[in-house]
Amino acid sequence: MAGTMIGGQKAAAKNLARDPHFYSKIGRKGGRVGRTGGFAANPELARIAGAKGGRRSRRRKVIAEV
């Protein structure tokens, strides 16, 4: 692991020298291992969760001045 910016650049250069597709392979693996789907896969679930959070909110209600 790199401890400095220069060390990180050296590590990245070495990774790319060994395998030009190093970072694209890592990204592909990361995209495949996801199991939950998340809110992007289910907007209705996101709406429901946001409503629950809004009801539980500890913030005070703000009355808009006109």
PDB file of N, CA and C in Angstrom:
ATOM      1  N   MET A   1       0.828  -1.185   0.000  1.00  0.00           N
ATOM      2  CA  MET A   1       0.000   0.000   0.000  1.00  0.00           C
ATOM      3  C   MET A   1       0.868   1.242   0.000  1.00  0.00           C
ATOM      4  N   ALA A   2       0.405   2.231  -0.682  1.00  0.00           N
ATOM      5  CA  ALA A   2       1.150   3.475  -0.775  1.00  0.00           C
ATOM      6  C   ALA A   2       0.853   4.354   0.437  1.00  0.00           C
ATOM      7  N   GLY A   3       1.886   5.000   0.936  1.00  0.00           N
ATOM      8  CA  GLY A   3       1.696   5.894   2.070  1.00  0.00           C
ATOM      9  C   GLY A   3       1.675   7.349   1.665  1.00  0.00           C
ATOM     10  N   THR A   4       2.137   7.649   0.454  1.00  0.00           N
ATOM     11  CA  THR A   4       2.171   9.027  -0.021  1.00  0.00           C
ATOM     12  C   THR A   4       1.600   9.086  -1.431  1.00  0.00           C
ATOM     13  N   MET A   5       1.386  10.292  -1.911  1.00  0.00           N
ATOM     14  CA  MET A   5       0.847  10.444  -3.253  1.00  0.00           C
ATOM     15  C   MET A   5       1.836   9.906  -4.294  1.00  0.00           C
ATOM     16  N   ILE A   6       3.099  10.178  -4.091  1.00  0.00           N
ATOM     17  CA  ILE A   6       4.109   9.703  -5.036  1.00  0.00           C
ATOM     18  C   ILE A   6       4.171   8.172  -5.020  1.00  0.00           C
ATOM     19  N   GLY A   7       4.103   7.588  -3.818  1.00  0.00           N
ATOM     20  CA  GLY A   7       4.097   6.131  -3.707  1.00  0.00           C
ATOM     21  C   GLY A   7       2.881   5.525  -4.387  1.00  0.00           C
ATOM     22  N   GLY A   8       1.741   6.190  -4.264  1.00  0.00           N
ATOM     23  CA  GLY A   8       0.522   5.716  -4.919  1.00  0.00           C
ATOM     24  C   GLY A   8       0.643   5.747  -6.428  1.00  0.00           C
ATOM     25  N   GLN A   9       1.274   6.805  -6.937  1.00  0.00           N
ATOM     26  CA  GLN A   9       1.471   6.904  -8.381  1.00  0.00           C
ATOM     27  C   GLN A   9       2.411   5.811  -8.883  1.00  0.00           C
ATOM     28  N   LYS A  10       3.451   5.515  -8.097  1.00  0.00           N
ATOM     29  CA  LYS A  10       4.382   4.449  -8.470  1.00  0.00           C
ATOM     30  C   LYS A  10       3.669   3.089  -8.472  1.00  0.00           C
ATOM     31  N   ALA A  11       2.847   2.862  -7.436  1.00  0.00           N
ATOM     32  CA  ALA A  11       2.116   1.594  -7.350  1.00  0.00           C
ATOM     33  C   ALA A  11       1.154   1.447  -8.522  1.00  0.00           C
ATOM     34  N   ALA A  12       0.458   2.532  -8.870  1.00  0.00           N
ATOM     35  CA  ALA A  12      -0.479   2.480  -9.990  1.00  0.00           C
ATOM     36  C   ALA A  12       0.255   2.196 -11.293  1.00  0.00           C
ATOM     37  N   ALA A  13       1.417   2.830 -11.470  1.00  0.00           N
ATOM     38  CA  ALA A  13       2.199   2.601 -12.688  1.00  0.00           C
ATOM     39  C   ALA A  13       2.661   1.151 -12.768  1.00  0.00           C
ATOM     40  N   LYS A  14       3.085   0.588 -11.635  1.00  0.00           N
ATOM     41  CA  LYS A  14       3.540  -0.803 -11.628  1.00  0.00           C
ATOM     42  C   LYS A  14       2.376  -1.753 -11.914  1.00  0.00           C
ATOM     43  N   ASN A  15       1.206  -1.477 -11.313  1.00  0.00           N
ATOM     44  CA  ASN A  15       0.035  -2.321 -11.579  1.00  0.00           C
ATOM     45  C   ASN A  15      -0.317  -2.303 -13.053  1.00  0.00           C
ATOM     46  N   LEU A  16      -0.286  -1.123 -13.665  1.00  0.00           N
ATOM     47  CA  LEU A  16      -0.634  -1.011 -15.081  1.00  0.00           C
ATOM     48  C   LEU A  16       0.435  -1.632 -15.975  1.00  0.00           C
ATOM     49  N   ALA A  17       1.707  -1.589 -15.528  1.00  0.00           N
ATOM     50  CA  ALA A  17       2.769  -2.221 -16.313  1.00  0.00           C
ATOM     51  C   ALA A  17       2.607  -3.741 -16.325  1.00  0.00           C
ATOM     52  N   ARG A  18       2.198  -4.296 -15.191  1.00  0.00           N
ATOM     53  CA  ARG A  18       1.978  -5.743 -15.112  1.00  0.00           C
ATOM     54  C   ARG A  18       0.760  -6.174 -15.911  1.00  0.00           C
ATOM     55  N   ASP A  19      -0.320  -5.382 -15.789  1.00  0.00           N
ATOM     56  CA  ASP A  19      -1.574  -5.734 -16.447  1.00  0.00           C
ATOM     57  C   ASP A  19      -2.278  -4.447 -16.858  1.00  0.00           C
ATOM     58  N   PRO A  20      -2.355  -4.159 -18.146  1.00  0.00           N
ATOM     59  CA  PRO A  20      -2.984  -2.910 -18.587  1.00  0.00           C
ATOM     60  C   PRO A  20      -4.461  -2.795 -18.211  1.00  0.00           C
ATOM     61  N   HIS A  21      -5.112  -3.924 -17.931  1.00  0.00           N
ATOM     62  CA  HIS A  21      -6.535  -3.908 -17.582  1.00  0.00           C
ATOM     63  C   HIS A  21      -6.757  -4.116 -16.080  1.00  0.00           C
ATOM     64  N   PHE A  22      -5.746  -3.843 -15.272  1.00  0.00           N
ATOM     65  CA  PHE A  22      -5.793  -4.104 -13.835  1.00  0.00           C
ATOM     66  C   PHE A  22      -6.999  -3.436 -13.168  1.00  0.00           C
ATOM     67  N   TYR A  23      -7.162  -2.134 -13.393  1.00  0.00           N
ATOM     68  CA  TYR A  23      -8.220  -1.405 -12.694  1.00  0.00           C
ATOM     69  C   TYR A  23      -9.606  -1.717 -13.240  1.00  0.00           C
ATOM     70  N   SER A  24      -9.711  -1.987 -14.524  1.00  0.00           N
ATOM     71  CA  SER A  24     -11.021  -2.351 -15.063  1.00  0.00           C
ATOM     72  C   SER A  24     -11.460  -3.713 -14.528  1.00  0.00           C
ATOM     73  N   LYS A  25     -10.504  -4.628 -14.310  1.00  0.00           N
ATOM     74  CA  LYS A  25     -10.838  -5.932 -13.730  1.00  0.00           C
ATOM     75  C   LYS A  25     -11.333  -5.778 -12.297  1.00  0.00           C
ATOM     76  N   ILE A  26     -10.674  -4.916 -11.527  1.00  0.00           N
ATOM     77  CA  ILE A  26     -11.103  -4.684 -10.147  1.00  0.00           C
ATOM     78  C   ILE A  26     -12.518  -4.124 -10.124  1.00  0.00           C
ATOM     79  N   GLY A  27     -12.784  -3.144 -11.003  1.00  0.00           N
ATOM     80  CA  GLY A  27     -14.116  -2.547 -11.056  1.00  0.00           C
ATOM     81  C   GLY A  27     -15.182  -3.550 -11.456  1.00  0.00           C
ATOM     82  N   ARG A  28     -14.847  -4.431 -12.374  1.00  0.00           N
ATOM     83  CA  ARG A  28     -15.803  -5.442 -12.814  1.00  0.00           C
ATOM     84  C   ARG A  28     -16.140  -6.382 -11.668  1.00  0.00           C
ATOM     85  N   LYS A  29     -15.117  -6.793 -10.921  1.00  0.00           N
ATOM     86  CA  LYS A  29     -15.354  -7.689  -9.782  1.00  0.00           C
ATOM     87  C   LYS A  29     -16.227  -7.011  -8.737  1.00  0.00           C
ATOM     88  N   GLY A  30     -15.944  -5.763  -8.447  1.00  0.00           N
ATOM     89  CA  GLY A  30     -16.717  -5.041  -7.446  1.00  0.00           C
ATOM     90  C   GLY A  30     -18.171  -4.894  -7.838  1.00  0.00           C
ATOM     91  N   GLY A  31     -18.425  -4.683  -9.114  1.00  0.00           N
ATOM     92  CA  GLY A  31     -19.802  -4.553  -9.568  1.00  0.00           C
ATOM     93  C   GLY A  31     -20.569  -5.852  -9.493  1.00  0.00           C
ATOM     94  N   ARG A  32     -19.874  -6.971  -9.628  1.00  0.00           N
ATOM     95  CA  ARG A  32     -20.554  -8.266  -9.639  1.00  0.00           C
ATOM     96  C   ARG A  32     -20.860  -8.802  -8.255  1.00  0.00           C
ATOM     97  N   VAL A  33     -20.084  -8.437  -7.251  1.00  0.00           N
ATOM     98  CA  VAL A  33     -20.268  -9.049  -5.944  1.00  0.00           C
ATOM     99  C   VAL A  33     -21.401  -8.431  -5.139  1.00  0.00           C
ATOM    100  N   GLY A  34     -21.992  -7.323  -5.604  1.00  0.00           N
ATOM    101  CA  GLY A  34     -23.087  -6.699  -4.873  1.00  0.00           C
ATOM    102  C   GLY A  34     -24.274  -7.632  -4.757  1.00  0.00           C
ATOM    103  N   ARG A  35     -24.900  -7.679  -3.606  1.00  0.00           N
ATOM    104  CA  ARG A  35     -26.016  -8.604  -3.384  1.00  0.00           C
ATOM    105  C   ARG A  35     -27.339  -7.901  -3.091  1.00  0.00           C
ATOM    106  N   THR A  36     -27.298  -6.657  -2.664  1.00  0.00           N
ATOM    107  CA  THR A  36     -28.514  -6.035  -2.164  1.00  0.00           C
ATOM    108  C   THR A  36     -29.341  -5.365  -3.240  1.00  0.00           C
ATOM    109  N   GLY A  37     -28.729  -4.849  -4.274  1.00  0.00           N
ATOM    110  CA  GLY A  37     -29.487  -4.149  -5.303  1.00  0.00           C
ATOM    111  C   GLY A  37     -29.623  -2.673  -5.006  1.00  0.00           C
ATOM    112  N   GLY A  38     -29.846  -2.341  -3.749  1.00  0.00           N
ATOM    113  CA  GLY A  38     -29.889  -0.945  -3.347  1.00  0.00           C
ATOM    114  C   GLY A  38     -31.151  -0.231  -3.795  1.00  0.00           C
ATOM    115  N   PHE A  39     -31.202   1.054  -3.481  1.00  0.00           N
ATOM    116  CA  PHE A  39     -32.380   1.842  -3.794  1.00  0.00           C
ATOM    117  C   PHE A  39     -32.487   2.140  -5.283  1.00  0.00           C
ATOM    118  N   ALA A  40     -31.379   2.140  -6.001  1.00  0.00           N
ATOM    119  CA  ALA A  40     -31.444   2.412  -7.436  1.00  0.00           C
ATOM    120  C   ALA A  40     -32.253   1.336  -8.147  1.00  0.00           C
ATOM    121  N   ALA A  41     -32.244   0.131  -7.614  1.00  0.00           N
ATOM    122  CA  ALA A  41     -32.975  -0.969  -8.231  1.00  0.00           C
ATOM    123  C   ALA A  41     -34.456  -0.934  -7.863  1.00  0.00           C
ATOM    124  N   ASN A  42     -34.812  -0.203  -6.814  1.00  0.00           N
ATOM    125  CA  ASN A  42     -36.198  -0.207  -6.351  1.00  0.00           C
ATOM    126  C   ASN A  42     -36.570   1.185  -5.836  1.00  0.00           C
ATOM    127  N   PRO A  43     -36.986   2.101  -6.716  1.00  0.00           N
ATOM    128  CA  PRO A  43     -37.314   3.466  -6.288  1.00  0.00           C
ATOM    129  C   PRO A  43     -38.474   3.520  -5.290  1.00  0.00           C
ATOM    130  N   GLU A  44     -39.403   2.598  -5.391  1.00  0.00           N
ATOM    131  CA  GLU A  44     -40.528   2.600  -4.449  1.00  0.00           C
ATOM    132  C   GLU A  44     -40.045   2.318  -3.029  1.00  0.00           C
ATOM    133  N   LEU A  45     -39.087   1.404  -2.897  1.00  0.00           N
ATOM    134  CA  LEU A  45     -38.508   1.110  -1.593  1.00  0.00           C
ATOM    135  C   LEU A  45     -37.782   2.344  -1.046  1.00  0.00           C
ATOM    136  N   ALA A  46     -37.121   3.085  -1.916  1.00  0.00           N
ATOM    137  CA  ALA A  46     -36.435   4.304  -1.503  1.00  0.00           C
ATOM    138  C   ALA A  46     -37.437   5.323  -0.988  1.00  0.00           C
ATOM    139  N   ARG A  47     -38.571   5.444  -1.651  1.00  0.00           N
ATOM    140  CA  ARG A  47     -39.599   6.400  -1.227  1.00  0.00           C
ATOM    141  C   ARG A  47     -40.139   6.035   0.156  1.00  0.00           C
ATOM    142  N   ILE A  48     -40.374   4.752   0.363  1.00  0.00           N
ATOM    143  CA  ILE A  48     -40.902   4.287   1.646  1.00  0.00           C
ATOM    144  C   ILE A  48     -39.881   4.543   2.763  1.00  0.00           C
ATOM    145  N   ALA A  49     -38.617   4.226   2.494  1.00  0.00           N
ATOM    146  CA  ALA A  49     -37.569   4.422   3.496  1.00  0.00           C
ATOM    147  C   ALA A  49     -37.404   5.907   3.819  1.00  0.00           C
ATOM    148  N   GLY A  50     -37.470   6.754   2.815  1.00  0.00           N
ATOM    149  CA  GLY A  50     -37.353   8.196   3.045  1.00  0.00           C
ATOM    150  C   GLY A  50     -38.499   8.727   3.878  1.00  0.00           C
ATOM    151  N   ALA A  51     -39.696   8.199   3.643  1.00  0.00           N
ATOM    152  CA  ALA A  51     -40.859   8.626   4.428  1.00  0.00           C
ATOM    153  C   ALA A  51     -40.702   8.211   5.886  1.00  0.00           C
ATOM    154  N   LYS A  52     -40.195   6.996   6.108  1.00  0.00           N
ATOM    155  CA  LYS A  52     -39.973   6.540   7.483  1.00  0.00           C
ATOM    156  C   LYS A  52     -38.952   7.427   8.179  1.00  0.00           C
ATOM    157  N   GLY A  53     -37.874   7.746   7.469  1.00  0.00           N
ATOM    158  CA  GLY A  53     -36.855   8.616   8.050  1.00  0.00           C
ATOM    159  C   GLY A  53     -37.403   9.991   8.354  1.00  0.00           C
ATOM    160  N   GLY A  54     -38.255  10.506   7.487  1.00  0.00           N
ATOM    161  CA  GLY A  54     -38.855  11.816   7.714  1.00  0.00           C
ATOM    162  C   GLY A  54     -39.758  11.827   8.932  1.00  0.00           C
ATOM    163  N   ARG A  55     -40.463  10.735   9.159  1.00  0.00           N
ATOM    164  CA  ARG A  55     -41.328  10.662  10.334  1.00  0.00           C
ATOM    165  C   ARG A  55     -40.515  10.568  11.623  1.00  0.00           C
ATOM    166  N   ARG A  56     -39.357   9.926  11.560  1.00  0.00           N
ATOM    167  CA  ARG A  56     -38.526   9.749  12.751  1.00  0.00           C
ATOM    168  C   ARG A  56     -37.572  10.912  12.980  1.00  0.00           C
ATOM    169  N   SER A  57     -37.552  11.855  12.062  1.00  0.00           N
ATOM    170  CA  SER A  57     -36.586  12.943  12.120  1.00  0.00           C
ATOM    171  C   SER A  57     -36.676  13.692  13.443  1.00  0.00           C
ATOM    172  N   ARG A  58     -35.513  14.055  13.985  1.00  0.00           N
ATOM    173  CA  ARG A  58     -35.464  14.818  15.230  1.00  0.00           C
ATOM    174  C   ARG A  58     -35.331  16.310  14.971  1.00  0.00           C
ATOM    175  N   ARG A  59     -35.308  16.689  13.724  1.00  0.00           N
ATOM    176  CA  ARG A  59     -35.229  18.105  13.404  1.00  0.00           C
ATOM    177  C   ARG A  59     -36.565  18.779  13.658  1.00  0.00           C
ATOM    178  N   ARG A  60     -36.494  20.062  14.025  1.00  0.00           N
ATOM    179  CA  ARG A  60     -37.725  20.799  14.238  1.00  0.00           C
ATOM    180  C   ARG A  60     -38.322  21.174  12.897  1.00  0.00           C
ATOM    181  N   LYS A  61     -39.636  21.278  12.867  1.00  0.00           N
ATOM    182  CA  LYS A  61     -40.321  21.696  11.656  1.00  0.00           C
ATOM    183  C   LYS A  61     -40.079  23.180  11.456  1.00  0.00           C
ATOM    184  N   VAL A  62     -39.775  23.579  10.240  1.00  0.00           N
ATOM    185  CA  VAL A  62     -39.532  24.976   9.928  1.00  0.00           C
ATOM    186  C   VAL A  62     -40.765  25.528   9.233  1.00  0.00           C
ATOM    187  N   ILE A  63     -41.251  26.636   9.748  1.00  0.00           N
ATOM    188  CA  ILE A  63     -42.399  27.297   9.127  1.00  0.00           C
ATOM    189  C   ILE A  63     -41.863  28.365   8.201  1.00  0.00           C
ATOM    190  N   ALA A  64     -42.214  28.249   6.934  1.00  0.00           N
ATOM    191  CA  ALA A  64     -41.696  29.191   5.934  1.00  0.00           C
ATOM    192  C   ALA A  64     -42.368  30.541   6.089  1.00  0.00           C
ATOM    193  N   GLU A  65     -41.557  31.581   6.063  1.00  0.00           N
ATOM    194  CA  GLU A  65     -42.093  32.951   6.145  1.00  0.00           C
ATOM    195  C   GLU A  65     -42.339  33.460   4.734  1.00  0.00           C
ATOM    196  N   VAL A  66     -43.432  34.145   4.562  1.00  0.00           N
ATOM    197  CA  VAL A  66     -43.773  34.649   3.224  1.00  0.00           C
ATOM    198  C   VAL A  66     -43.500  36.115   3.106  1.00  0.00           C
TER     199      VAL A  66
END
